[in-house]
Amino acid sequence: MTRGKRILVHDYSGHPFQVQLSRCLAKRGHQVRHVYSASFQTPKGDLSKGPEDSKRLDIVGVSLGSVFRKDGFIKRRSQEIEIGRQVAEQIRQFRPDIVLSSNAPLDTQAVIHKATRSHGARFVFWLQDLYSEAIGRILRRKLPVIGGVVAMRYHRLEFDLLRRSDHIIAITDDFLPHLRGNGIVPGCVSVVENWAPLGEPNANCGAVAVADTIRAVYAGTLGYKHNPDILLAAAKSLPVAIEVFSEGRVAEDLARRAAADGVSNLRVLPWVSFSDLPRVLGRADVLIAMIEVDAGAFSVPSKVLTYLGAGKPVIAAIPRSNLARRILEREQAGLVSDPGAHLGFIDNLRRLAGDGELRKRLGANGRAYAEANFNIDRITDRFEGIFDDLILTELRAI
């Protein structure tokens, strides 16, 4: 690929693997500006520029200057549009050749797309979720009358943005039938599965616990597409210490319910910093992941990929159609039950708690998968190839 391109990478959430890609692109000679929402409340990756980072890398957090309102549709939408405007200003200042945008709510993404087009840059839609599918399922259930109308509006917006993108990077083959069914040409889509930054194995990686109490850890966001009830049910049923590292309304509600029910073996703690996460995961015996049926194939929990790198067995409640479940079952890296099947989840956790050798074997399998698939240089090659094709297409059109 021609060196020295200006690439703006936007990751609304500020997750670990997107900024790892930005760092690698900058080290390869591209001028990279990594933009994220500092106001959106979720665990963040390593978003501080360090001495080892390339001088070609800028990391910019855009902020509302107020608390992000996840629980109010109208206020949330206005805040998402404002974040889009701030990213648009970064595009105006940076003047990129390519904008790669991921995890953005659709109203945010629409503003970013318009700014990219106004500047004349190429727009790459990094498709992490089919937002309109999840929005439709949730709103039609919660608001039977107007929910369908709002859902249709977001369906049109999402697929219009996808059709008008210069390229789409989808994180799973599961998205392809929905893209084709909405008029998106297969040649405009590449599939690059997500990954997690792969550090050195933790000293506790794969260790068989000697303590009497097994420690199960959930680390990450608890939201509408998760089911915290299953954690409370497991804590009530088993002598397992369940630690939930999360923040926000759903996490606070879980803590209140556990206290009200006298459940002392479930604790809700603040989010873990990216630098401290390997230690926290390394001390666990089992790592927990959940996603509800409403999310289906349309949201792949990235925490599962982080867990695999930690070398610990995963206990999960994930739909059968989800890529994360297929990875766990195919690689024999964890035990998985259906969402809402509390007894199945509890039985799997009981089995893991009682079998140290099984935990060790599943954890080692997960780590082996991560080492085989999370090499950032090979992943960056894929992205550079996509960017190269876009540039060549543009040059041929001149």
Protein backbone atom coordinates (compact mmCIF):
# COMPACT_ATOMS: atom_id res chain seq x y z
CA MET A 1 0.00 0.00 0.00
CA THR A 2 1.12 3.56 -0.69
CA ARG A 3 2.63 4.89 2.51
CA GLY A 4 1.75 8.07 4.29
CA LYS A 5 -2.04 8.02 3.98
CA ARG A 6 -4.10 9.96 6.48
CA ILE A 7 -6.48 7.61 8.28
CA LEU A 8 -9.04 8.62 10.89
CA VAL A 9 -10.15 5.64 12.97
CA HIS A 10 -13.31 6.31 14.95
CA ASP A 11 -14.30 3.90 17.72
CA TYR A 12 -17.25 5.32 19.62
CA SER A 13 -16.68 3.04 22.62
CA GLY A 14 -12.90 3.28 22.95
CA HIS A 15 -12.36 -0.47 22.99
CA PRO A 16 -8.88 -2.03 23.25
CA PHE A 17 -8.50 -3.67 19.84
CA GLN A 18 -9.42 -0.70 17.65
CA VAL A 19 -6.75 1.52 19.15
CA GLN A 20 -4.28 -1.36 18.80
CA LEU A 21 -5.00 -1.28 15.06
CA SER A 22 -4.46 2.49 15.01
CA ARG A 23 -1.09 2.07 16.72
CA CYS A 24 0.02 -0.53 14.22
CA LEU A 25 -1.11 1.56 11.23
CA ALA A 26 0.85 4.55 12.57
CA LYS A 27 3.98 2.44 13.05
CA ARG A 28 3.68 1.41 9.39
CA GLY A 29 3.98 5.00 8.24
CA HIS A 30 0.39 6.26 8.10
CA GLN A 31 -0.73 9.45 9.79
CA VAL A 32 -3.47 8.20 12.12
CA ARG A 33 -5.94 10.03 14.31
CA HIS A 34 -7.85 7.75 16.67
CA VAL A 35 -11.09 9.32 17.91
CA TYR A 36 -13.40 7.96 20.61
CA SER A 37 -16.22 9.18 22.86
CA ALA A 38 -14.87 10.02 26.30
CA SER A 39 -18.46 10.53 27.50
CA PHE A 40 -19.81 7.07 26.67
CA GLN A 41 -19.71 4.97 29.84
CA THR A 42 -18.01 1.68 29.09
CA PRO A 43 -14.64 0.07 29.87
CA LYS A 44 -11.91 1.61 27.73
CA GLY A 45 -8.73 0.35 26.14
CA ASP A 46 -5.28 1.92 26.39
CA LEU A 47 -6.15 5.40 25.11
CA SER A 48 -3.14 7.26 26.48
CA LYS A 49 -0.28 7.91 24.11
CA GLY A 50 2.92 6.37 25.40
CA PRO A 51 6.63 6.76 24.65
CA GLU A 52 6.59 3.69 22.40
CA ASP A 53 3.82 5.07 20.18
CA SER A 54 4.60 6.50 16.78
CA LYS A 55 4.71 10.27 16.40
CA ARG A 56 2.26 9.76 13.55
CA LEU A 57 -0.46 8.73 16.02
CA ASP A 58 -2.92 11.11 17.68
CA ILE A 59 -5.54 9.89 20.18
CA VAL A 60 -8.47 12.23 20.72
CA GLY A 61 -11.39 11.80 23.10
CA VAL A 62 -14.45 13.90 22.27
CA SER A 63 -16.66 14.83 25.20
CA LEU A 64 -20.14 16.15 25.88
CA GLY A 65 -19.14 17.81 29.12
CA SER A 66 -22.08 16.11 30.82
CA VAL A 67 -23.27 12.63 31.84
CA PHE A 68 -24.28 10.43 28.93
CA ARG A 69 -27.96 9.47 29.25
CA LYS A 70 -28.40 5.85 28.22
CA ASP A 71 -31.89 5.61 29.72
CA GLY A 72 -33.69 8.45 27.89
CA PHE A 73 -34.31 8.03 24.15
CA ILE A 74 -34.73 11.70 23.21
CA LYS A 75 -31.83 12.98 25.31
CA ARG A 76 -29.63 10.07 24.26
CA ARG A 77 -30.32 10.71 20.58
CA SER A 78 -29.41 14.40 20.91
CA GLN A 79 -26.18 13.46 22.68
CA GLU A 80 -25.32 10.89 20.02
CA ILE A 81 -25.82 13.53 17.31
CA GLU A 82 -23.59 15.93 19.25
CA ILE A 83 -20.84 13.31 19.47
CA GLY A 84 -21.18 12.89 15.70
CA ARG A 85 -20.72 16.64 15.23
CA GLN A 86 -17.57 16.59 17.33
CA VAL A 87 -16.15 13.69 15.30
CA ALA A 88 -17.09 15.63 12.16
CA GLU A 89 -15.00 18.53 13.44
CA GLN A 90 -12.06 16.14 13.89
CA ILE A 91 -12.52 15.08 10.26
CA ARG A 92 -12.54 18.73 9.17
CA GLN A 93 -9.34 19.44 11.12
CA PHE A 94 -7.45 16.26 10.24
CA ARG A 95 -8.50 16.04 6.57
CA PRO A 96 -8.16 12.24 6.24
CA ASP A 97 -7.99 10.19 3.08
CA ILE A 98 -9.94 7.37 4.76
CA VAL A 99 -12.40 7.31 7.67
CA LEU A 100 -12.88 3.93 9.39
CA SER A 101 -15.82 4.18 11.80
CA SER A 102 -17.04 1.54 14.25
CA ASN A 103 -19.44 1.08 17.17
CA ALA A 104 -21.21 4.35 16.39
CA PRO A 105 -24.95 4.65 17.07
CA LEU A 106 -26.75 5.22 13.80
CA ASP A 107 -27.49 8.91 14.39
CA THR A 108 -23.80 9.42 15.18
CA GLN A 109 -22.70 7.43 12.15
CA ALA A 110 -24.94 9.46 9.85
CA VAL A 111 -23.23 12.70 10.89
CA ILE A 112 -19.77 11.14 10.47
CA HIS A 113 -20.67 9.78 7.04
CA LYS A 114 -21.91 13.19 5.88
CA ALA A 115 -18.73 14.89 7.10
CA THR A 116 -16.57 12.28 5.36
CA ARG A 117 -18.41 12.82 2.09
CA SER A 118 -18.18 16.62 2.43
CA HIS A 119 -14.42 16.32 2.83
CA GLY A 120 -14.09 13.92 -0.12
CA ALA A 121 -12.59 11.06 1.92
CA ARG A 122 -13.39 7.36 1.59
CA PHE A 123 -15.80 6.00 4.21
CA VAL A 124 -15.36 2.47 5.60
CA PHE A 125 -18.19 1.20 7.79
CA TRP A 126 -16.69 -1.20 10.37
CA LEU A 127 -19.85 -3.17 11.12
CA GLN A 128 -19.76 -4.41 14.71
CA ASP A 129 -23.53 -4.73 15.24
CA LEU A 130 -26.65 -4.58 13.11
CA TYR A 131 -28.11 -1.93 15.37
CA SER A 132 -31.48 -1.68 13.64
CA GLU A 133 -32.19 -5.38 14.16
CA ALA A 134 -31.65 -5.10 17.92
CA ILE A 135 -33.49 -1.76 18.08
CA GLY A 136 -36.46 -3.29 16.26
CA ARG A 137 -36.75 -6.26 18.59
CA ILE A 138 -36.46 -4.19 21.74
CA LEU A 139 -38.72 -1.29 20.72
CA ARG A 140 -41.46 -3.48 19.31
CA ARG A 141 -41.60 -5.28 22.64
CA LYS A 142 -41.44 -2.19 24.84
CA LEU A 143 -43.47 0.20 22.66
CA PRO A 144 -45.89 -1.94 20.60
CA VAL A 145 -47.49 1.00 18.76
CA ILE A 146 -44.78 3.55 17.95
CA GLY A 147 -41.87 1.15 18.44
CA GLY A 148 -42.38 -0.35 14.99
CA VAL A 149 -42.36 3.08 13.34
CA VAL A 150 -39.12 4.10 15.07
CA ALA A 151 -37.57 0.72 14.25
CA MET A 152 -38.41 1.13 10.54
CA ARG A 153 -36.75 4.55 10.56
CA TYR A 154 -33.51 3.09 11.95
CA HIS A 155 -33.61 0.13 9.57
CA ARG A 156 -33.77 2.50 6.60
CA LEU A 157 -31.03 4.69 8.06
CA GLU A 158 -28.65 1.83 8.79
CA PHE A 159 -28.88 0.12 5.42
CA ASP A 160 -28.81 3.42 3.56
CA LEU A 161 -25.53 4.25 5.32
CA LEU A 162 -24.18 0.80 4.53
CA ARG A 163 -25.15 1.03 0.85
CA ARG A 164 -23.48 4.46 0.56
CA SER A 165 -20.24 3.36 2.23
CA ASP A 166 -17.16 2.84 0.09
CA HIS A 167 -16.56 -0.45 1.87
CA ILE A 168 -17.96 -2.49 4.76
CA ILE A 169 -15.84 -4.52 7.14
CA ALA A 170 -18.15 -7.01 8.85
CA ILE A 171 -17.00 -8.89 11.94
CA THR A 172 -18.92 -12.09 11.16
CA ASP A 173 -20.27 -14.03 8.17
CA ASP A 174 -23.63 -13.95 9.98
CA PHE A 175 -24.15 -10.39 8.73
CA LEU A 176 -23.79 -11.29 5.04
CA PRO A 177 -27.33 -12.60 4.34
CA HIS A 178 -28.83 -9.45 5.89
CA LEU A 179 -26.56 -7.24 3.82
CA ARG A 180 -27.37 -9.07 0.59
CA GLY A 181 -31.07 -8.99 1.41
CA ASN A 182 -30.90 -5.21 1.66
CA GLY A 183 -29.23 -4.58 -1.66
CA ILE A 184 -25.58 -4.50 -0.64
CA VAL A 185 -23.22 -5.96 -3.22
CA PRO A 186 -20.98 -8.75 -1.81
CA GLY A 187 -17.90 -7.23 -3.45
CA CYS A 188 -18.26 -4.20 -1.17
CA VAL A 189 -17.96 -6.32 1.98
CA SER A 190 -14.97 -7.93 3.69
CA VAL A 191 -15.19 -10.11 6.79
CA VAL A 192 -12.53 -9.54 9.46
CA GLU A 193 -13.36 -11.12 12.79
CA ASN A 194 -12.65 -9.15 15.93
CA TRP A 195 -9.70 -9.92 18.15
CA ALA A 196 -8.25 -8.84 21.50
CA PRO A 197 -4.79 -7.40 22.24
CA LEU A 198 -2.68 -10.40 23.11
CA GLY A 199 -0.17 -9.81 25.87
CA GLU A 200 1.99 -12.32 27.66
CA PRO A 201 0.08 -15.05 29.51
CA ASN A 202 -0.73 -14.08 33.09
CA ALA A 203 1.25 -15.90 35.73
CA ASN A 204 -2.01 -17.45 36.94
CA CYS A 205 -3.05 -18.50 33.44
CA GLY A 206 -4.52 -21.99 33.50
CA ALA A 207 -3.69 -22.55 37.14
CA VAL A 208 -5.80 -25.00 39.11
CA ALA A 209 -7.21 -23.19 42.13
CA VAL A 210 -6.33 -24.51 45.55
CA ALA A 211 -8.72 -22.26 47.48
CA ASP A 212 -12.00 -23.74 48.68
CA THR A 213 -14.07 -21.07 46.95
CA ILE A 214 -14.09 -20.88 43.17
CA ARG A 215 -13.97 -17.32 41.82
CA ALA A 216 -16.08 -16.50 38.74
CA VAL A 217 -15.62 -13.05 37.16
CA TYR A 218 -17.75 -10.97 34.79
CA ALA A 219 -15.89 -7.89 33.49
CA GLY A 220 -17.57 -5.38 31.20
CA THR A 221 -20.77 -3.55 30.39
CA LEU A 222 -24.12 -4.75 31.72
CA GLY A 223 -26.88 -3.44 29.48
CA TYR A 224 -30.14 -4.23 27.76
CA LYS A 225 -28.65 -7.10 25.79
CA HIS A 226 -27.38 -8.89 28.91
CA ASN A 227 -29.26 -10.83 31.56
CA PRO A 228 -27.95 -10.18 35.08
CA ASP A 229 -30.71 -12.39 36.54
CA ILE A 230 -28.65 -15.42 35.63
CA LEU A 231 -25.77 -14.18 37.82
CA LEU A 232 -28.04 -13.74 40.81
CA ALA A 233 -29.56 -17.18 40.27
CA ALA A 234 -26.12 -18.80 40.10
CA ALA A 235 -24.93 -17.04 43.25
CA LYS A 236 -27.99 -18.25 45.13
CA SER A 237 -27.50 -21.83 43.94
CA LEU A 238 -23.74 -22.40 44.25
CA PRO A 239 -20.97 -21.69 46.79
CA VAL A 240 -19.07 -19.76 44.11
CA ALA A 241 -17.77 -16.23 44.57
CA ILE A 242 -19.16 -14.20 41.67
CA GLU A 243 -17.53 -10.82 41.06
CA VAL A 244 -19.06 -8.41 38.56
CA PHE A 245 -16.81 -5.56 37.44
CA SER A 246 -19.24 -3.13 35.87
CA GLU A 247 -20.98 0.22 36.33
CA GLY A 248 -24.24 1.88 35.36
CA ARG A 249 -27.93 1.45 36.11
CA VAL A 250 -28.14 -2.30 35.44
CA ALA A 251 -25.06 -3.04 37.55
CA GLU A 252 -26.39 -0.88 40.40
CA ASP A 253 -29.74 -2.66 40.26
CA LEU A 254 -28.00 -6.05 40.44
CA ALA A 255 -26.06 -4.95 43.52
CA ARG A 256 -29.26 -3.74 45.22
CA ARG A 257 -31.10 -6.98 44.49
CA ALA A 258 -28.22 -9.12 45.77
CA ALA A 259 -28.10 -7.09 48.99
CA ALA A 260 -31.89 -7.26 49.43
CA ASP A 261 -31.84 -11.05 49.00
CA GLY A 262 -28.90 -11.47 51.38
CA VAL A 263 -26.67 -12.92 48.64
CA SER A 264 -23.18 -12.32 50.01
CA ASN A 265 -21.24 -14.29 47.39
CA LEU A 266 -22.13 -11.86 44.56
CA ARG A 267 -20.25 -8.56 44.57
CA VAL A 268 -20.53 -5.67 42.10
CA LEU A 269 -17.32 -3.68 41.77
CA PRO A 270 -16.21 -0.73 39.59
CA TRP A 271 -14.91 -1.23 36.07
CA VAL A 272 -11.36 -2.47 35.77
CA SER A 273 -8.79 -0.31 34.00
CA PHE A 274 -7.23 -1.77 30.87
CA SER A 275 -3.83 -1.99 32.56
CA ASP A 276 -5.28 -3.87 35.54
CA LEU A 277 -7.53 -6.22 33.57
CA PRO A 278 -4.94 -9.00 32.99
CA ARG A 279 -4.35 -9.27 36.74
CA VAL A 280 -8.07 -9.40 37.54
CA LEU A 281 -8.79 -12.03 34.89
CA GLY A 282 -5.68 -13.99 35.81
CA ARG A 283 -6.86 -14.38 39.43
CA ALA A 284 -10.23 -15.79 38.33
CA ASP A 285 -11.01 -19.48 38.00
CA VAL A 286 -13.86 -18.98 35.53
CA LEU A 287 -14.85 -16.04 33.30
CA ILE A 288 -18.49 -15.21 32.55
CA ALA A 289 -20.08 -13.92 29.32
CA MET A 290 -23.74 -13.34 28.47
CA ILE A 291 -25.84 -11.98 25.64
CA GLU A 292 -29.59 -12.15 25.18
CA VAL A 293 -31.59 -13.68 22.34
CA ASP A 294 -32.66 -10.16 21.23
CA ALA A 295 -29.06 -9.53 20.17
CA GLY A 296 -28.93 -12.89 18.39
CA ALA A 297 -26.29 -13.02 15.68
CA PHE A 298 -26.09 -9.24 15.56
CA SER A 299 -23.74 -8.56 18.46
CA VAL A 300 -20.60 -10.54 19.17
CA PRO A 301 -19.43 -9.99 22.79
CA SER A 302 -15.82 -8.86 22.48
CA LYS A 303 -15.18 -9.72 26.13
CA VAL A 304 -15.17 -13.40 25.10
CA LEU A 305 -12.11 -12.72 22.93
CA THR A 306 -10.37 -11.00 25.83
CA TYR A 307 -11.21 -13.98 28.02
CA LEU A 308 -9.68 -16.41 25.51
CA GLY A 309 -6.39 -14.51 25.68
CA ALA A 310 -6.46 -14.77 29.46
CA GLY A 311 -6.25 -18.54 29.25
CA LYS A 312 -9.23 -19.13 31.53
CA PRO A 313 -12.35 -21.26 30.89
CA VAL A 314 -15.46 -19.36 29.84
CA ILE A 315 -18.93 -20.01 31.22
CA ALA A 316 -21.43 -18.37 28.88
CA ALA A 317 -25.12 -17.89 28.10
CA ILE A 318 -25.13 -17.01 24.39
CA PRO A 319 -27.56 -17.72 21.50
CA ARG A 320 -26.68 -20.63 19.22
CA SER A 321 -26.53 -18.28 16.22
CA ASN A 322 -23.76 -16.16 17.74
CA LEU A 323 -20.16 -16.32 16.51
CA ALA A 324 -18.76 -16.18 20.05
CA ARG A 325 -20.67 -19.34 20.98
CA ARG A 326 -19.44 -21.14 17.88
CA ILE A 327 -15.85 -20.24 18.74
CA LEU A 328 -16.18 -21.44 22.35
CA GLU A 329 -17.76 -24.72 21.35
CA ARG A 330 -15.56 -25.39 18.33
CA GLU A 331 -12.34 -24.65 20.20
CA GLN A 332 -13.55 -26.35 23.41
CA ALA A 333 -12.69 -23.22 25.36
CA GLY A 334 -15.75 -23.07 27.59
CA LEU A 335 -19.20 -24.36 28.47
CA VAL A 336 -22.18 -22.60 26.88
CA SER A 337 -25.91 -22.64 27.56
CA ASP A 338 -28.84 -20.83 25.96
CA PRO A 339 -29.82 -17.37 27.26
CA GLY A 340 -32.52 -17.62 29.89
CA ALA A 341 -31.70 -21.27 30.61
CA HIS A 342 -30.66 -20.62 34.19
CA LEU A 343 -30.48 -24.30 35.16
CA GLY A 344 -28.17 -25.07 32.25
CA PHE A 345 -25.88 -22.17 33.16
CA ILE A 346 -25.82 -23.22 36.82
CA ASP A 347 -25.09 -26.85 35.92
CA ASN A 348 -22.18 -25.77 33.71
CA LEU A 349 -20.78 -23.55 36.46
CA ARG A 350 -21.14 -26.38 38.98
CA ARG A 351 -19.24 -28.67 36.62
CA LEU A 352 -16.40 -26.18 36.14
CA ALA A 353 -16.21 -25.41 39.84
CA GLY A 354 -15.75 -29.07 40.64
CA ASP A 355 -13.20 -30.00 37.98
CA GLY A 356 -9.85 -28.20 38.06
CA GLU A 357 -8.38 -30.24 35.22
CA LEU A 358 -11.33 -29.36 32.97
CA ARG A 359 -10.82 -25.68 33.76
CA LYS A 360 -7.15 -25.97 32.91
CA ARG A 361 -7.81 -27.76 29.61
CA LEU A 362 -10.52 -25.35 28.44
CA GLY A 363 -8.39 -22.33 29.38
CA ALA A 364 -5.39 -23.67 27.47
CA ASN A 365 -7.55 -24.28 24.40
CA GLY A 366 -8.78 -20.68 24.51
CA ARG A 367 -5.28 -19.30 24.81
CA ALA A 368 -4.11 -21.44 21.88
CA TYR A 369 -6.93 -20.05 19.72
CA ALA A 370 -6.03 -16.48 20.68
CA GLU A 371 -2.35 -17.00 19.85
CA ALA A 372 -3.27 -18.45 16.46
CA ASN A 373 -5.73 -15.70 15.48
CA PHE A 374 -4.93 -12.43 17.26
CA ASN A 375 -1.62 -11.49 15.61
CA ILE A 376 -1.95 -7.73 15.08
CA ASP A 377 0.49 -7.60 12.16
CA ARG A 378 -1.52 -10.11 10.14
CA ILE A 379 -4.74 -8.32 11.04
CA THR A 380 -3.31 -4.95 10.01
CA ASP A 381 -2.28 -6.51 6.69
CA ARG A 382 -5.98 -7.20 6.05
CA PHE A 383 -7.00 -3.62 6.77
CA GLU A 384 -4.17 -2.19 4.68
CA GLY A 385 -5.22 -4.44 1.80
CA ILE A 386 -8.77 -3.10 1.98
CA PHE A 387 -7.53 0.50 2.11
CA ASP A 388 -5.19 -0.20 -0.81
CA ASP A 389 -8.06 -1.47 -2.95
CA LEU A 390 -10.07 1.66 -2.16
CA ILE A 391 -7.20 3.92 -3.21
CA LEU A 392 -6.56 1.98 -6.40
CA THR A 393 -10.25 2.18 -7.28
CA GLU A 394 -10.16 5.94 -6.74
CA LEU A 395 -7.04 6.33 -8.88
CA ARG A 396 -8.59 4.33 -11.73
CA ALA A 397 -11.62 6.60 -11.66
CA ILE A 398 -9.52 9.73 -12.18
